[in-house]
Amino acid sequence: MLPWKRVLIPLASLLLASAATIAPAATAQAAAASNSGWNDYSCKPSAAHPRPVVLVHGTFANSVDNWLGLAPYLVNRGYCVYSFDYGQLPGVPFLYGLGPIDKSAEQLDDFVDKVLAATGAAKTDLVGHSQGGMMPRYYLKFLGGAAEVNALVGIAPSNRGTNLGGFTELLDYFPGAKDLISTATPALADQITGSAFLTKLNAGGDTVPGVKYTVIATKYDEVVTPYRSQFLNGPNVRNVLIQDLCAADLSEHAAIGLLDRIAFHEVTNALDPANATPTTCLSVIG
């Protein structure tokens, strides 16, 4: 075994094993979420907010912890809000978003059908963080999702993958490294800049007709790098750098999706552009 594998494999095992110890907490949180109006399948969209909102978590995340900030924020503003787990690996009960991304997009397709059936809505809006902001583009482009989706809001999305500040460019110097990542955590391999998955996803244009796209990025992102690779090109696209709205916002990759109320305000603007209000540093108390 190559020396670097002796380090990577135990680290991966430790990470995955730790998931099993915190799964009961996740179950309790999920129950609390459903009791607070989030994932309430009796919710009926209002005239003010006629589309349910589906939240799509990121890599190594789950349908509860990724949305403890944004989901209640949207529920309190009158939205019907739903989230789900995708990209499960066998034996890993808590950390999701790890399986092949094209298969995760199929899970999103199934979940949207479930939400639309429950709410009676014709279309939904999608809000995703990190992988969750990019993966739905596969659903929209290749699985017919454009017929079911009005808008996609990506918070720090990995639209063109990441080089992790140049780290992934070193993988070629470690024989077998990419194969190991692809086998152990396919979603990570799919999100490396230049992967076969991303090449297919971005070929022929970033967007599909009929869907509105918003990207909310932070210049302090240390995970999806360079941060401008998150931005999309095409009609019906709005690219937002959060520091252009509030220079004092220091959120990095995790914080912008988990607790940044300035970003949350921009999400609501994207979901309801007819009633959008300016996003400033004061939006943190809105």
Protein backbone atom coordinates (compact mmCIF):
# COMPACT_ATOMS: atom_id res chain seq x y z
CA MET A 1 0.00 0.00 0.00
CA LEU A 2 1.27 3.45 -0.88
CA PRO A 3 2.23 5.51 2.22
CA TRP A 4 -0.31 8.27 1.59
CA LYS A 5 -3.09 5.68 1.50
CA ARG A 6 -2.17 4.61 5.02
CA VAL A 7 -3.16 8.11 6.13
CA LEU A 8 -6.23 8.72 3.98
CA ILE A 9 -8.00 5.43 4.61
CA PRO A 10 -7.94 5.61 8.45
CA LEU A 11 -9.04 9.26 8.32
CA ALA A 12 -11.96 8.39 6.08
CA SER A 13 -12.91 5.48 8.32
CA LEU A 14 -12.81 7.68 11.41
CA LEU A 15 -15.03 10.30 9.77
CA LEU A 16 -17.61 7.77 8.63
CA ALA A 17 -17.57 5.92 11.93
CA SER A 18 -18.21 9.14 13.84
CA ALA A 19 -21.43 9.56 11.90
CA ALA A 20 -22.98 6.55 13.60
CA THR A 21 -22.45 8.08 17.05
CA ILE A 22 -24.44 11.20 16.25
CA ALA A 23 -27.26 9.69 14.21
CA PRO A 24 -29.68 9.59 17.19
CA ALA A 25 -29.27 13.36 17.58
CA ALA A 26 -30.10 13.79 13.92
CA THR A 27 -33.28 11.76 14.37
CA ALA A 28 -34.36 13.97 17.25
CA GLN A 29 -33.64 17.10 15.23
CA ALA A 30 -35.65 15.79 12.28
CA ALA A 31 -38.65 15.27 14.56
CA ALA A 32 -38.27 18.78 15.94
CA ALA A 33 -38.13 20.16 12.39
CA SER A 34 -41.39 18.50 11.35
CA ASN A 35 -43.09 19.80 14.51
CA SER A 36 -42.07 23.39 13.74
CA GLY A 37 -43.80 23.64 10.38
CA TRP A 38 -40.87 22.53 8.29
CA ASN A 39 -41.50 19.30 6.33
CA ASP A 40 -45.19 19.71 7.10
CA TYR A 41 -46.97 17.83 4.33
CA SER A 42 -50.31 19.39 5.29
CA CYS A 43 -48.94 22.85 4.41
CA LYS A 44 -50.71 24.47 1.47
CA PRO A 45 -48.93 27.24 -0.43
CA SER A 46 -50.55 30.67 -0.11
CA ALA A 47 -51.38 33.19 -2.81
CA ALA A 48 -48.40 35.23 -1.63
CA HIS A 49 -46.04 32.23 -1.82
CA PRO A 50 -47.65 29.81 -4.29
CA ARG A 51 -44.71 27.43 -4.68
CA PRO A 52 -43.24 25.09 -2.05
CA VAL A 53 -39.53 25.46 -1.40
CA VAL A 54 -37.29 22.38 -1.49
CA LEU A 55 -33.96 22.74 0.34
CA VAL A 56 -31.04 20.68 -0.99
CA HIS A 57 -28.14 20.14 1.44
CA GLY A 58 -24.45 19.94 0.62
CA THR A 59 -21.72 17.31 0.76
CA PHE A 60 -21.12 15.68 4.17
CA ALA A 61 -24.35 17.35 5.36
CA ASN A 62 -27.96 16.31 5.95
CA SER A 63 -31.51 17.55 5.58
CA VAL A 64 -31.70 18.93 9.12
CA ASP A 65 -28.40 20.45 10.23
CA ASN A 66 -27.77 22.23 6.93
CA TRP A 67 -31.08 24.10 7.29
CA LEU A 68 -31.47 24.90 10.99
CA GLY A 69 -31.09 28.57 10.08
CA LEU A 70 -32.76 29.01 6.69
CA ALA A 71 -35.73 26.63 7.04
CA PRO A 72 -37.31 28.40 10.05
CA TYR A 73 -36.48 31.76 8.42
CA LEU A 74 -38.60 30.80 5.40
CA VAL A 75 -41.37 29.12 7.41
CA ASN A 76 -41.75 32.27 9.50
CA ARG A 77 -42.26 34.21 6.26
CA GLY A 78 -45.11 32.00 5.12
CA TYR A 79 -43.39 29.47 2.85
CA CYS A 80 -44.08 25.72 2.76
CA VAL A 81 -40.58 24.30 3.23
CA TYR A 82 -39.24 20.78 2.69
CA SER A 83 -35.86 19.07 2.85
CA PHE A 84 -34.58 15.55 2.28
CA ASP A 85 -31.46 13.40 2.50
CA TYR A 86 -29.75 12.22 -0.68
CA GLY A 87 -26.52 10.60 -1.79
CA GLN A 88 -26.39 8.00 0.99
CA LEU A 89 -23.50 5.56 1.22
CA PRO A 90 -24.05 2.10 2.75
CA GLY A 91 -23.51 2.10 6.50
CA VAL A 92 -23.31 5.89 6.82
CA PRO A 93 -26.46 7.10 8.61
CA PHE A 94 -25.77 10.81 9.13
CA LEU A 95 -23.45 12.23 6.48
CA TYR A 96 -25.07 12.46 3.06
CA GLY A 97 -24.37 13.93 -0.36
CA LEU A 98 -21.59 11.41 -0.93
CA GLY A 99 -22.94 9.18 -3.70
CA PRO A 100 -22.71 9.73 -7.47
CA ILE A 101 -24.27 13.11 -8.21
CA ASP A 102 -26.30 11.94 -11.20
CA LYS A 103 -27.99 9.38 -8.93
CA SER A 104 -28.58 12.05 -6.28
CA ALA A 105 -30.33 14.13 -8.94
CA GLU A 106 -32.72 11.23 -9.49
CA GLN A 107 -33.51 11.28 -5.77
CA LEU A 108 -34.23 15.00 -6.02
CA ASP A 109 -36.58 14.31 -8.93
CA ASP A 110 -38.52 11.79 -6.84
CA PHE A 111 -38.69 14.14 -3.85
CA VAL A 112 -39.97 17.07 -5.90
CA ASP A 113 -42.73 14.82 -7.26
CA LYS A 114 -43.66 13.95 -3.67
CA VAL A 115 -43.78 17.60 -2.60
CA LEU A 116 -45.82 18.68 -5.60
CA ALA A 117 -48.29 15.85 -5.05
CA ALA A 118 -48.70 16.78 -1.38
CA THR A 119 -49.09 20.52 -1.91
CA GLY A 120 -50.98 20.52 -5.19
CA ALA A 121 -48.56 23.08 -6.61
CA ALA A 122 -47.60 23.03 -10.28
CA LYS A 123 -43.97 23.98 -9.66
CA THR A 124 -41.47 24.29 -6.85
CA ASP A 125 -38.51 26.51 -6.06
CA LEU A 126 -35.17 24.95 -5.13
CA VAL A 127 -32.59 26.37 -2.73
CA GLY A 128 -29.32 24.49 -2.35
CA HIS A 129 -26.03 24.91 -0.52
CA SER A 130 -22.69 23.84 -2.02
CA GLN A 131 -23.25 20.56 -3.92
CA GLY A 132 -26.95 21.17 -3.28
CA GLY A 133 -26.80 24.34 -5.34
CA MET A 134 -25.15 22.58 -8.27
CA MET A 135 -26.69 19.08 -8.31
CA PRO A 136 -30.20 20.34 -9.19
CA ARG A 137 -28.84 21.67 -12.48
CA TYR A 138 -28.42 18.04 -13.58
CA TYR A 139 -32.07 17.38 -12.71
CA LEU A 140 -33.13 20.48 -14.63
CA LYS A 141 -31.00 19.71 -17.67
CA PHE A 142 -31.23 15.94 -18.05
CA LEU A 143 -34.21 14.68 -16.00
CA GLY A 144 -37.00 16.99 -17.07
CA GLY A 145 -36.83 19.14 -13.96
CA ALA A 146 -37.38 22.39 -15.85
CA ALA A 147 -41.06 21.49 -16.17
CA GLU A 148 -41.38 21.28 -12.37
CA VAL A 149 -39.12 24.11 -11.19
CA ASN A 150 -39.58 27.88 -11.29
CA ALA A 151 -36.28 28.97 -9.73
CA LEU A 152 -32.99 27.57 -8.47
CA VAL A 153 -31.08 29.50 -5.81
CA GLY A 154 -27.54 28.26 -5.22
CA ILE A 155 -25.71 29.30 -2.06
CA ALA A 156 -21.96 28.81 -2.60
CA PRO A 157 -22.68 26.21 -5.31
CA SER A 158 -19.96 24.02 -6.83
CA ASN A 159 -21.10 24.81 -10.37
CA ARG A 160 -17.67 24.22 -11.88
CA GLY A 161 -16.29 22.15 -9.08
CA THR A 162 -13.40 23.16 -6.91
CA ASN A 163 -9.63 22.97 -6.91
CA LEU A 164 -9.60 23.46 -3.11
CA GLY A 165 -7.14 26.30 -3.44
CA GLY A 166 -5.00 24.26 -5.82
CA PHE A 167 -4.90 21.11 -3.67
CA THR A 168 -6.73 18.92 -6.17
CA GLU A 169 -4.13 19.76 -8.79
CA LEU A 170 -1.66 17.75 -6.71
CA LEU A 171 -3.67 14.53 -6.94
CA ASP A 172 -1.96 13.55 -10.20
CA TYR A 173 1.28 13.23 -8.24
CA PHE A 174 -0.23 10.50 -6.05
CA PRO A 175 -0.92 7.38 -8.13
CA GLY A 176 -4.36 5.99 -7.45
CA ALA A 177 -5.55 8.98 -5.40
CA LYS A 178 -8.36 9.96 -7.76
CA ASP A 179 -9.48 6.35 -8.07
CA LEU A 180 -9.64 6.03 -4.29
CA ILE A 181 -11.71 9.20 -3.93
CA SER A 182 -14.03 8.11 -6.73
CA THR A 183 -14.60 4.73 -5.11
CA ALA A 184 -14.97 5.89 -1.51
CA THR A 185 -16.87 9.15 -2.02
CA PRO A 186 -18.05 9.52 -5.64
CA ALA A 187 -19.57 12.98 -5.06
CA LEU A 188 -16.18 14.38 -4.10
CA ALA A 189 -14.64 13.06 -7.31
CA ASP A 190 -17.55 14.49 -9.30
CA GLN A 191 -16.86 17.94 -7.82
CA ILE A 192 -13.19 18.14 -8.70
CA THR A 193 -12.65 20.79 -11.35
CA GLY A 194 -12.62 19.19 -14.79
CA SER A 195 -14.36 15.96 -13.76
CA ALA A 196 -16.30 13.99 -16.35
CA PHE A 197 -19.52 14.78 -14.49
CA LEU A 198 -18.95 18.55 -14.56
CA THR A 199 -17.84 18.44 -18.18
CA LYS A 200 -21.17 16.85 -19.10
CA LEU A 201 -23.18 19.17 -16.86
CA ASN A 202 -21.70 22.38 -18.24
CA ALA A 203 -21.47 21.41 -21.90
CA GLY A 204 -23.81 23.40 -24.12
CA GLY A 205 -24.56 26.12 -21.58
CA ASP A 206 -25.18 26.60 -17.87
CA THR A 207 -28.94 27.09 -17.90
CA VAL A 208 -32.15 25.69 -19.34
CA PRO A 209 -35.10 27.76 -20.61
CA GLY A 210 -37.91 28.59 -18.23
CA VAL A 211 -35.94 28.48 -14.98
CA LYS A 212 -34.66 31.51 -13.05
CA TYR A 213 -31.18 31.12 -11.53
CA THR A 214 -29.60 32.96 -8.60
CA VAL A 215 -26.08 32.34 -7.27
CA ILE A 216 -25.09 33.77 -3.88
CA ALA A 217 -21.33 33.58 -3.26
CA THR A 218 -18.81 34.84 -0.73
CA LYS A 219 -15.29 35.91 -1.56
CA TYR A 220 -14.13 34.19 1.62
CA ASP A 221 -15.17 30.74 0.36
CA GLU A 222 -12.37 28.30 1.15
CA VAL A 223 -14.12 25.16 -0.15
CA VAL A 224 -15.47 26.01 -3.62
CA THR A 225 -12.51 27.80 -5.13
CA PRO A 226 -11.98 30.04 -6.93
CA TYR A 227 -15.23 31.57 -5.71
CA ARG A 228 -16.05 33.15 -9.08
CA SER A 229 -16.29 29.64 -10.54
CA GLN A 230 -19.65 29.44 -8.76
CA PHE A 231 -21.22 32.04 -11.04
CA LEU A 232 -23.38 31.02 -13.99
CA ASN A 233 -23.73 32.44 -17.47
CA GLY A 234 -26.94 32.67 -19.46
CA PRO A 235 -30.39 34.23 -19.52
CA ASN A 236 -32.40 34.51 -16.31
CA VAL A 237 -29.23 34.44 -14.19
CA ARG A 238 -28.41 36.72 -11.27
CA ASN A 239 -24.96 36.34 -9.71
CA VAL A 240 -24.56 37.91 -6.26
CA LEU A 241 -21.36 38.44 -4.30
CA ILE A 242 -22.54 38.90 -0.73
CA GLN A 243 -19.75 41.40 0.05
CA ASP A 244 -21.12 43.70 -2.68
CA LEU A 245 -24.25 43.97 -0.54
CA CYS A 246 -22.49 44.14 2.83
CA ALA A 247 -18.72 44.58 2.83
CA ALA A 248 -18.61 43.64 6.52
CA ASP A 249 -20.03 40.15 5.86
CA LEU A 250 -17.18 37.72 6.64
CA SER A 251 -19.08 34.49 6.01
CA GLU A 252 -17.09 31.64 4.47
CA HIS A 253 -18.42 28.52 2.75
CA ALA A 254 -20.27 26.94 5.66
CA ALA A 255 -21.53 30.10 7.37
CA ILE A 256 -23.15 31.59 4.29
CA GLY A 257 -25.46 28.60 4.06
CA LEU A 258 -25.93 27.87 7.74
CA LEU A 259 -26.49 31.20 9.48
CA ASP A 260 -25.96 34.23 7.25
CA ARG A 261 -29.21 36.22 7.43
CA ILE A 262 -27.93 38.65 4.81
CA ALA A 263 -27.72 35.71 2.39
CA PHE A 264 -31.10 34.51 3.64
CA HIS A 265 -32.61 37.88 2.71
CA GLU A 266 -31.22 37.49 -0.80
CA VAL A 267 -32.81 34.02 -0.95
CA THR A 268 -36.24 35.51 -0.23
CA ASN A 269 -35.64 38.18 -2.87
CA ALA A 270 -34.91 35.43 -5.39
CA LEU A 271 -38.01 33.47 -4.36
CA ASP A 272 -40.28 36.52 -4.55
CA PRO A 273 -38.65 39.07 -6.86
CA ALA A 274 -41.86 41.08 -7.26
CA ASN A 275 -41.63 42.02 -3.57
CA ALA A 276 -37.85 42.16 -3.24
CA THR A 277 -36.30 44.75 -0.94
CA PRO A 278 -32.68 45.94 -0.90
CA THR A 279 -30.25 43.67 0.92
CA THR A 280 -27.82 45.52 3.20
CA CYS A 281 -25.86 44.85 6.35
CA LEU A 282 -29.04 45.71 8.27
CA SER A 283 -30.74 42.67 6.73
CA VAL A 284 -29.10 40.65 9.49
CA ILE A 285 -31.81 41.92 11.84
CA GLY A 286 -34.64 41.66 9.33
